[in-house]
Amino acid sequence: MARLTKAQREWRPGMPKKRRSTKVMFASTVLLLEAFVIFFATLAVFGLRRGEFPPALILGVGIALSAVMVLACAVLRKPWGIGLGWVLQVVLILTGIIEPAMFLVGVLFGICWWYGIRTGIRIDREAGEREREQAAWEAAHPDQAAGGQAP
């Protein structure tokens, strides 16, 4: 039998589902897309600049950077996770030193990262306000909240 996660072990009937952070979801999406772009850029640099750099170095650095971007998705909930994401944005822009087209790609992804973080924070704040207002309404109207239907 598969091992249960902590959330699965602590779940009880009637417990509300824990809301996921929109900021983390947006940030994860951007990082995963960047990982794919880095992987394919690695293949392009491998084909175009094989004579300038050792192939093992090109593939090793490119694949490692892709893996770091994927693994960074796992730590976005931690306080330093978003900071790591910003560092990866700078690294992506700096890959333009090797392949100049990556300057543009890096800046565009940096804008996507900034917009996703900013919008995610706003959406999370608004969702928290809605949850508080819903809880206050349910506390004020226990007869309607329990049945889920208005009389």
N, C-alpha and C. Protein backbone atom coordinates (compact mmCIF):
# COMPACT_ATOMS: atom_id res chain seq x y z
N MET A 1 0.84 -1.17 0.00
CA MET A 1 0.00 0.00 0.00
C MET A 1 0.89 1.24 0.00
N ALA A 2 0.46 2.26 -0.71
CA ALA A 2 1.24 3.49 -0.82
C ALA A 2 1.24 4.23 0.51
N ARG A 3 2.32 4.95 0.76
CA ARG A 3 2.41 5.75 1.98
C ARG A 3 1.55 6.99 1.84
N LEU A 4 0.88 7.35 2.90
CA LEU A 4 0.04 8.54 2.89
C LEU A 4 0.88 9.77 3.21
N THR A 5 0.51 10.87 2.60
CA THR A 5 1.17 12.13 2.91
C THR A 5 0.67 12.65 4.26
N LYS A 6 1.34 13.66 4.79
CA LYS A 6 0.94 14.24 6.06
C LYS A 6 -0.48 14.80 5.97
N ALA A 7 -0.79 15.48 4.86
CA ALA A 7 -2.13 16.04 4.68
C ALA A 7 -3.19 14.94 4.63
N GLN A 8 -2.86 13.82 4.00
CA GLN A 8 -3.81 12.71 3.93
C GLN A 8 -4.02 12.08 5.31
N ARG A 9 -2.95 11.96 6.10
CA ARG A 9 -3.08 11.36 7.43
C ARG A 9 -3.89 12.25 8.36
N GLU A 10 -3.77 13.57 8.22
CA GLU A 10 -4.45 14.49 9.12
C GLU A 10 -5.87 14.83 8.68
N TRP A 11 -6.28 14.40 7.52
CA TRP A 11 -7.61 14.75 7.01
C TRP A 11 -8.71 14.02 7.79
N ARG A 12 -9.77 14.74 8.07
CA ARG A 12 -10.94 14.18 8.72
C ARG A 12 -12.17 14.61 7.92
N PRO A 13 -13.24 13.83 7.93
CA PRO A 13 -14.45 14.22 7.20
C PRO A 13 -14.96 15.59 7.66
N GLY A 14 -15.36 16.40 6.71
CA GLY A 14 -15.89 17.72 7.00
C GLY A 14 -14.84 18.81 7.07
N MET A 15 -13.56 18.44 6.98
CA MET A 15 -12.51 19.45 7.01
C MET A 15 -12.50 20.23 5.70
N PRO A 16 -12.38 21.54 5.79
CA PRO A 16 -12.30 22.31 4.54
C PRO A 16 -10.96 22.06 3.85
N LYS A 17 -10.97 22.11 2.53
CA LYS A 17 -9.76 21.88 1.76
C LYS A 17 -8.84 23.10 1.92
N LYS A 18 -7.56 22.83 2.15
CA LYS A 18 -6.60 23.90 2.31
C LYS A 18 -6.36 24.55 0.94
N ARG A 19 -6.49 25.87 0.93
CA ARG A 19 -6.34 26.61 -0.32
C ARG A 19 -4.88 26.72 -0.70
N ARG A 20 -4.58 26.47 -1.98
CA ARG A 20 -3.21 26.59 -2.48
C ARG A 20 -2.92 28.03 -2.86
N SER A 21 -1.69 28.41 -2.73
CA SER A 21 -1.27 29.77 -3.04
C SER A 21 -1.22 29.97 -4.55
N THR A 22 -1.88 31.00 -5.02
CA THR A 22 -1.85 31.34 -6.44
C THR A 22 -0.47 31.85 -6.82
N LYS A 23 0.18 32.56 -5.92
CA LYS A 23 1.54 33.06 -6.18
C LYS A 23 2.49 31.90 -6.45
N VAL A 24 2.41 30.85 -5.64
CA VAL A 24 3.28 29.69 -5.82
C VAL A 24 2.94 28.97 -7.12
N MET A 25 1.66 28.89 -7.44
CA MET A 25 1.25 28.23 -8.67
C MET A 25 1.77 28.98 -9.89
N PHE A 26 1.63 30.32 -9.90
CA PHE A 26 2.14 31.12 -11.02
C PHE A 26 3.67 30.99 -11.12
N ALA A 27 4.36 31.07 -9.98
CA ALA A 27 5.81 31.00 -9.97
C ALA A 27 6.29 29.63 -10.47
N SER A 28 5.61 28.57 -10.05
CA SER A 28 5.98 27.23 -10.51
C SER A 28 5.81 27.10 -12.01
N THR A 29 4.74 27.66 -12.53
CA THR A 29 4.49 27.59 -13.97
C THR A 29 5.61 28.28 -14.74
N VAL A 30 6.01 29.46 -14.29
CA VAL A 30 7.07 30.19 -14.99
C VAL A 30 8.38 29.42 -14.91
N LEU A 31 8.71 28.88 -13.74
CA LEU A 31 9.97 28.14 -13.60
C LEU A 31 9.98 26.88 -14.47
N LEU A 32 8.86 26.18 -14.55
CA LEU A 32 8.83 24.98 -15.40
C LEU A 32 8.97 25.34 -16.87
N LEU A 33 8.33 26.40 -17.30
CA LEU A 33 8.49 26.83 -18.69
C LEU A 33 9.94 27.25 -18.96
N GLU A 34 10.55 27.91 -18.01
CA GLU A 34 11.95 28.29 -18.17
C GLU A 34 12.85 27.07 -18.24
N ALA A 35 12.53 26.03 -17.48
CA ALA A 35 13.34 24.81 -17.53
C ALA A 35 13.30 24.20 -18.92
N PHE A 36 12.14 24.18 -19.55
CA PHE A 36 12.05 23.67 -20.92
C PHE A 36 12.84 24.55 -21.88
N VAL A 37 12.72 25.86 -21.73
CA VAL A 37 13.45 26.78 -22.61
C VAL A 37 14.96 26.60 -22.44
N ILE A 38 15.42 26.47 -21.22
CA ILE A 38 16.85 26.26 -20.97
C ILE A 38 17.31 24.95 -21.60
N PHE A 39 16.52 23.91 -21.48
CA PHE A 39 16.89 22.62 -22.07
C PHE A 39 17.04 22.74 -23.58
N PHE A 40 16.06 23.36 -24.24
CA PHE A 40 16.15 23.49 -25.69
C PHE A 40 17.22 24.49 -26.11
N ALA A 41 17.46 25.52 -25.32
CA ALA A 41 18.57 26.44 -25.60
C ALA A 41 19.90 25.72 -25.47
N THR A 42 19.99 24.80 -24.52
CA THR A 42 21.20 24.00 -24.36
C THR A 42 21.47 23.19 -25.62
N LEU A 43 20.41 22.60 -26.15
CA LEU A 43 20.58 21.83 -27.39
C LEU A 43 21.00 22.73 -28.55
N ALA A 44 20.45 23.94 -28.60
CA ALA A 44 20.82 24.88 -29.66
C ALA A 44 22.29 25.30 -29.53
N VAL A 45 22.72 25.62 -28.31
CA VAL A 45 24.12 26.00 -28.09
C VAL A 45 25.03 24.81 -28.38
N PHE A 46 24.61 23.63 -28.03
CA PHE A 46 25.39 22.42 -28.31
C PHE A 46 25.61 22.27 -29.81
N GLY A 47 24.57 22.54 -30.59
CA GLY A 47 24.70 22.42 -32.04
C GLY A 47 25.46 23.57 -32.68
N LEU A 48 25.28 24.78 -32.17
CA LEU A 48 25.87 25.96 -32.80
C LEU A 48 27.29 26.26 -32.35
N ARG A 49 27.62 25.96 -31.11
CA ARG A 49 28.91 26.39 -30.54
C ARG A 49 29.73 25.22 -29.99
N ARG A 50 29.58 24.07 -30.60
CA ARG A 50 30.30 22.90 -30.11
C ARG A 50 31.81 23.09 -30.20
N GLY A 51 32.27 23.84 -31.19
CA GLY A 51 33.71 24.06 -31.33
C GLY A 51 34.28 25.06 -30.34
N GLU A 52 33.44 25.95 -29.81
CA GLU A 52 33.91 26.98 -28.89
C GLU A 52 33.99 26.49 -27.44
N PHE A 53 33.08 25.61 -27.07
CA PHE A 53 33.02 25.10 -25.70
C PHE A 53 33.00 23.57 -25.74
N PRO A 54 33.54 22.93 -24.72
CA PRO A 54 33.47 21.46 -24.70
C PRO A 54 32.01 20.99 -24.61
N PRO A 55 31.64 20.00 -25.43
CA PRO A 55 30.24 19.53 -25.41
C PRO A 55 29.77 19.07 -24.03
N ALA A 56 30.64 18.44 -23.26
CA ALA A 56 30.25 17.98 -21.93
C ALA A 56 29.91 19.17 -21.02
N LEU A 57 30.65 20.26 -21.17
CA LEU A 57 30.38 21.46 -20.37
C LEU A 57 29.04 22.08 -20.76
N ILE A 58 28.79 22.18 -22.05
CA ILE A 58 27.52 22.75 -22.53
C ILE A 58 26.35 21.94 -21.99
N LEU A 59 26.39 20.63 -22.22
CA LEU A 59 25.27 19.78 -21.80
C LEU A 59 25.16 19.72 -20.28
N GLY A 60 26.28 19.63 -19.59
CA GLY A 60 26.25 19.54 -18.13
C GLY A 60 25.65 20.77 -17.48
N VAL A 61 26.11 21.94 -17.90
CA VAL A 61 25.61 23.18 -17.31
C VAL A 61 24.15 23.40 -17.68
N GLY A 62 23.80 23.17 -18.94
CA GLY A 62 22.42 23.38 -19.38
C GLY A 62 21.43 22.47 -18.70
N ILE A 63 21.75 21.20 -18.63
CA ILE A 63 20.84 20.24 -18.00
C ILE A 63 20.77 20.49 -16.49
N ALA A 64 21.90 20.85 -15.88
CA ALA A 64 21.89 21.16 -14.44
C ALA A 64 21.03 22.39 -14.15
N LEU A 65 21.13 23.41 -15.00
CA LEU A 65 20.31 24.60 -14.80
C LEU A 65 18.84 24.29 -14.97
N SER A 66 18.50 23.45 -15.94
CA SER A 66 17.11 23.02 -16.11
C SER A 66 16.62 22.28 -14.87
N ALA A 67 17.45 21.41 -14.34
CA ALA A 67 17.07 20.63 -13.16
C ALA A 67 16.90 21.54 -11.94
N VAL A 68 17.77 22.53 -11.79
CA VAL A 68 17.65 23.46 -10.66
C VAL A 68 16.34 24.23 -10.75
N MET A 69 15.94 24.62 -11.97
CA MET A 69 14.68 25.35 -12.12
C MET A 69 13.48 24.47 -11.75
N VAL A 70 13.55 23.21 -12.12
CA VAL A 70 12.46 22.29 -11.75
C VAL A 70 12.45 22.07 -10.24
N LEU A 71 13.61 21.86 -9.65
CA LEU A 71 13.68 21.62 -8.21
C LEU A 71 13.33 22.87 -7.40
N ALA A 72 13.53 24.04 -7.97
CA ALA A 72 13.18 25.29 -7.27
C ALA A 72 11.67 25.38 -7.04
N CYS A 73 10.90 24.71 -7.88
CA CYS A 73 9.44 24.72 -7.69
C CYS A 73 9.06 24.12 -6.34
N ALA A 74 9.86 23.19 -5.85
CA ALA A 74 9.55 22.51 -4.59
C ALA A 74 9.77 23.41 -3.38
N VAL A 75 10.59 24.45 -3.50
CA VAL A 75 10.90 25.28 -2.34
C VAL A 75 10.24 26.65 -2.40
N LEU A 76 9.34 26.86 -3.33
CA LEU A 76 8.70 28.17 -3.47
C LEU A 76 7.85 28.54 -2.26
N ARG A 77 7.39 27.57 -1.49
CA ARG A 77 6.59 27.86 -0.30
C ARG A 77 7.44 28.35 0.87
N LYS A 78 8.72 28.08 0.81
CA LYS A 78 9.62 28.51 1.88
C LYS A 78 9.91 30.01 1.71
N PRO A 79 10.28 30.69 2.79
CA PRO A 79 10.51 32.14 2.70
C PRO A 79 11.58 32.53 1.68
N TRP A 80 12.59 31.70 1.49
CA TRP A 80 13.68 32.03 0.57
C TRP A 80 13.43 31.51 -0.84
N GLY A 81 12.31 30.82 -1.07
CA GLY A 81 12.03 30.23 -2.38
C GLY A 81 11.84 31.25 -3.48
N ILE A 82 11.12 32.33 -3.19
CA ILE A 82 10.91 33.37 -4.19
C ILE A 82 12.23 34.08 -4.49
N GLY A 83 13.05 34.26 -3.49
CA GLY A 83 14.38 34.85 -3.71
C GLY A 83 15.23 33.99 -4.63
N LEU A 84 15.16 32.68 -4.43
CA LEU A 84 15.86 31.76 -5.33
C LEU A 84 15.34 31.92 -6.76
N GLY A 85 14.04 32.10 -6.89
CA GLY A 85 13.46 32.32 -8.21
C GLY A 85 14.00 33.57 -8.87
N TRP A 86 14.17 34.65 -8.09
CA TRP A 86 14.74 35.88 -8.65
C TRP A 86 16.18 35.65 -9.09
N VAL A 87 16.94 34.90 -8.30
CA VAL A 87 18.32 34.58 -8.68
C VAL A 87 18.33 33.81 -9.99
N LEU A 88 17.42 32.86 -10.15
CA LEU A 88 17.34 32.09 -11.39
C LEU A 88 16.95 32.96 -12.57
N GLN A 89 16.15 34.01 -12.32
CA GLN A 89 15.81 34.93 -13.40
C GLN A 89 17.06 35.65 -13.90
N VAL A 90 17.91 36.08 -12.96
CA VAL A 90 19.15 36.75 -13.34
C VAL A 90 20.06 35.79 -14.09
N VAL A 91 20.14 34.55 -13.63
CA VAL A 91 20.97 33.55 -14.31
C VAL A 91 20.47 33.33 -15.73
N LEU A 92 19.15 33.27 -15.90
CA LEU A 92 18.58 33.08 -17.23
C LEU A 92 18.95 34.24 -18.15
N ILE A 93 18.87 35.46 -17.64
CA ILE A 93 19.26 36.62 -18.45
C ILE A 93 20.75 36.55 -18.79
N LEU A 94 21.57 36.12 -17.85
CA LEU A 94 23.02 36.05 -18.08
C LEU A 94 23.41 34.96 -19.07
N THR A 95 22.51 34.02 -19.34
CA THR A 95 22.83 33.01 -20.37
C THR A 95 22.94 33.67 -21.74
N GLY A 96 22.49 34.91 -21.84
CA GLY A 96 22.66 35.66 -23.08
C GLY A 96 24.12 35.92 -23.42
N ILE A 97 25.01 35.78 -22.47
CA ILE A 97 26.44 35.93 -22.74
C ILE A 97 26.90 34.84 -23.70
N ILE A 98 26.34 33.65 -23.56
CA ILE A 98 26.71 32.52 -24.41
C ILE A 98 25.92 32.56 -25.72
N GLU A 99 24.62 32.79 -25.62
CA GLU A 99 23.75 32.86 -26.79
C GLU A 99 22.95 34.17 -26.69
N PRO A 100 23.27 35.16 -27.51
CA PRO A 100 22.67 36.50 -27.38
C PRO A 100 21.13 36.52 -27.41
N ALA A 101 20.50 35.61 -28.07
CA ALA A 101 19.03 35.59 -28.11
C ALA A 101 18.44 35.35 -26.72
N MET A 102 19.23 34.77 -25.83
CA MET A 102 18.73 34.48 -24.49
C MET A 102 18.60 35.74 -23.64
N PHE A 103 19.25 36.85 -24.04
CA PHE A 103 19.00 38.11 -23.34
C PHE A 103 17.53 38.47 -23.43
N LEU A 104 17.00 38.43 -24.64
CA LEU A 104 15.59 38.76 -24.86
C LEU A 104 14.68 37.76 -24.15
N VAL A 105 14.97 36.48 -24.30
CA VAL A 105 14.16 35.44 -23.66
C VAL A 105 14.19 35.61 -22.15
N GLY A 106 15.38 35.87 -21.61
CA GLY A 106 15.51 36.04 -20.16
C GLY A 106 14.75 37.24 -19.64
N VAL A 107 14.82 38.35 -20.36
CA VAL A 107 14.09 39.55 -19.92
C VAL A 107 12.59 39.30 -19.99
N LEU A 108 12.11 38.65 -21.05
CA LEU A 108 10.68 38.37 -21.16
C LEU A 108 10.21 37.44 -20.05
N PHE A 109 11.00 36.43 -19.73
CA PHE A 109 10.63 35.54 -18.62
C PHE A 109 10.73 36.28 -17.28
N GLY A 110 11.68 37.19 -17.14
CA GLY A 110 11.76 37.99 -15.92
C GLY A 110 10.51 38.83 -15.72
N ILE A 111 9.99 39.39 -16.81
CA ILE A 111 8.75 40.15 -16.74
C ILE A 111 7.59 39.23 -16.35
N CYS A 112 7.55 38.04 -16.94
CA CYS A 112 6.50 37.07 -16.59
C CYS A 112 6.59 36.69 -15.11
N TRP A 113 7.82 36.48 -14.62
CA TRP A 113 8.02 36.13 -13.21
C TRP A 113 7.52 37.25 -12.31
N TRP A 114 7.92 38.49 -12.60
CA TRP A 114 7.50 39.65 -11.80
C TRP A 114 5.97 39.77 -11.81
N TYR A 115 5.36 39.66 -12.99
CA TYR A 115 3.92 39.80 -13.08
C TYR A 115 3.20 38.67 -12.35
N GLY A 116 3.69 37.45 -12.48
CA GLY A 116 3.08 36.31 -11.79
C GLY A 116 3.16 36.44 -10.28
N ILE A 117 4.30 36.89 -9.77
CA ILE A 117 4.45 37.06 -8.32
C ILE A 117 3.53 38.18 -7.84
N ARG A 118 3.54 39.31 -8.53
CA ARG A 118 2.73 40.45 -8.12
C ARG A 118 1.24 40.12 -8.17
N THR A 119 0.80 39.50 -9.25
CA THR A 119 -0.61 39.15 -9.40
C THR A 119 -1.00 38.04 -8.42
N GLY A 120 -0.12 37.07 -8.22
CA GLY A 120 -0.40 36.00 -7.26
C GLY A 120 -0.58 36.51 -5.85
N ILE A 121 0.25 37.47 -5.45
CA ILE A 121 0.11 38.07 -4.11
C ILE A 121 -1.24 38.75 -3.99
N ARG A 122 -1.63 39.50 -5.02
CA ARG A 122 -2.92 40.20 -4.98
C ARG A 122 -4.08 39.21 -4.91
N ILE A 123 -4.03 38.16 -5.73
CA ILE A 123 -5.12 37.17 -5.73
C ILE A 123 -5.19 36.44 -4.39
N ASP A 124 -4.03 36.08 -3.82
CA ASP A 124 -4.02 35.41 -2.52
C ASP A 124 -4.60 36.31 -1.43
N ARG A 125 -4.26 37.60 -1.48
CA ARG A 125 -4.80 38.55 -0.49
C ARG A 125 -6.32 38.65 -0.63
N GLU A 126 -6.82 38.77 -1.86
CA GLU A 126 -8.26 38.87 -2.07
C GLU A 126 -8.98 37.58 -1.65
N ALA A 127 -8.37 36.43 -1.92
CA ALA A 127 -8.99 35.17 -1.52
C ALA A 127 -9.04 35.05 0.01
N GLY A 128 -7.99 35.52 0.68
CA GLY A 128 -8.00 35.51 2.14
C GLY A 128 -9.09 36.39 2.71
N GLU A 129 -9.29 37.57 2.10
CA GLU A 129 -10.37 38.46 2.54
C GLU A 129 -11.73 37.80 2.33
N ARG A 130 -11.91 37.13 1.18
CA ARG A 130 -13.18 36.43 0.92
C ARG A 130 -13.42 35.33 1.93
N GLU A 131 -12.37 34.59 2.28
CA GLU A 131 -12.52 33.51 3.28
C GLU A 131 -12.90 34.07 4.64
N ARG A 132 -12.29 35.18 5.04
CA ARG A 132 -12.63 35.80 6.33
C ARG A 132 -14.07 36.30 6.33
N GLU A 133 -14.48 36.94 5.23
CA GLU A 133 -15.86 37.43 5.13
C GLU A 133 -16.86 36.27 5.13
N GLN A 134 -16.51 35.17 4.46
CA GLN A 134 -17.39 34.00 4.43
C GLN A 134 -17.51 33.40 5.83
N ALA A 135 -16.39 33.31 6.55
CA ALA A 135 -16.42 32.77 7.91
C ALA A 135 -17.25 33.66 8.84
N ALA A 136 -17.12 34.98 8.67
CA ALA A 136 -17.91 35.90 9.50
C ALA A 136 -19.40 35.75 9.18
N TRP A 137 -19.73 35.61 7.91
CA TRP A 137 -21.14 35.45 7.54
C TRP A 137 -21.69 34.13 8.09
N GLU A 138 -20.90 33.05 7.98
CA GLU A 138 -21.35 31.76 8.49
C GLU A 138 -21.52 31.81 10.02
N ALA A 139 -20.67 32.56 10.71
CA ALA A 139 -20.82 32.68 12.16
C ALA A 139 -22.07 33.48 12.52
N ALA A 140 -22.43 34.46 11.69
CA ALA A 140 -23.61 35.28 11.94
C ALA A 140 -24.90 34.59 11.53
N HIS A 141 -24.81 33.65 10.61
CA HIS A 141 -26.00 32.94 10.09
C HIS A 141 -25.79 31.43 10.16
N PRO A 142 -25.69 30.87 11.37
CA PRO A 142 -25.39 29.43 11.48
C PRO A 142 -26.49 28.53 10.91
N ASP A 143 -27.74 28.98 10.97
CA ASP A 143 -28.82 28.14 10.46
C ASP A 143 -28.75 28.01 8.93
N GLN A 144 -28.38 29.04 8.22
CA GLN A 144 -28.26 28.98 6.76
C GLN A 144 -26.96 28.36 6.32
N ALA A 145 -25.89 28.56 7.08
CA ALA A 145 -24.59 28.03 6.70
C ALA A 145 -24.53 26.52 6.86
N ALA A 146 -25.21 25.97 7.86
CA ALA A 146 -25.14 24.53 8.12
C ALA A 146 -25.83 23.73 7.01
N GLY A 147 -26.96 24.18 6.57
CA GLY A 147 -27.68 23.43 5.53
C GLY A 147 -27.19 23.70 4.14
N GLY A 148 -26.51 24.82 3.96
CA GLY A 148 -26.02 25.16 2.65
C GLY A 148 -27.08 25.74 1.75
N GLN A 149 -28.32 25.89 2.28
CA GLN A 149 -29.42 26.43 1.48
C GLN A 149 -30.12 27.52 2.27
N ALA A 150 -30.63 28.49 1.55
CA ALA A 150 -31.42 29.53 2.20
C ALA A 150 -32.85 29.04 2.36
N PRO A 151 -33.57 29.50 3.43
CA PRO A 151 -34.95 29.01 3.65
C PRO A 151 -35.91 29.48 2.58
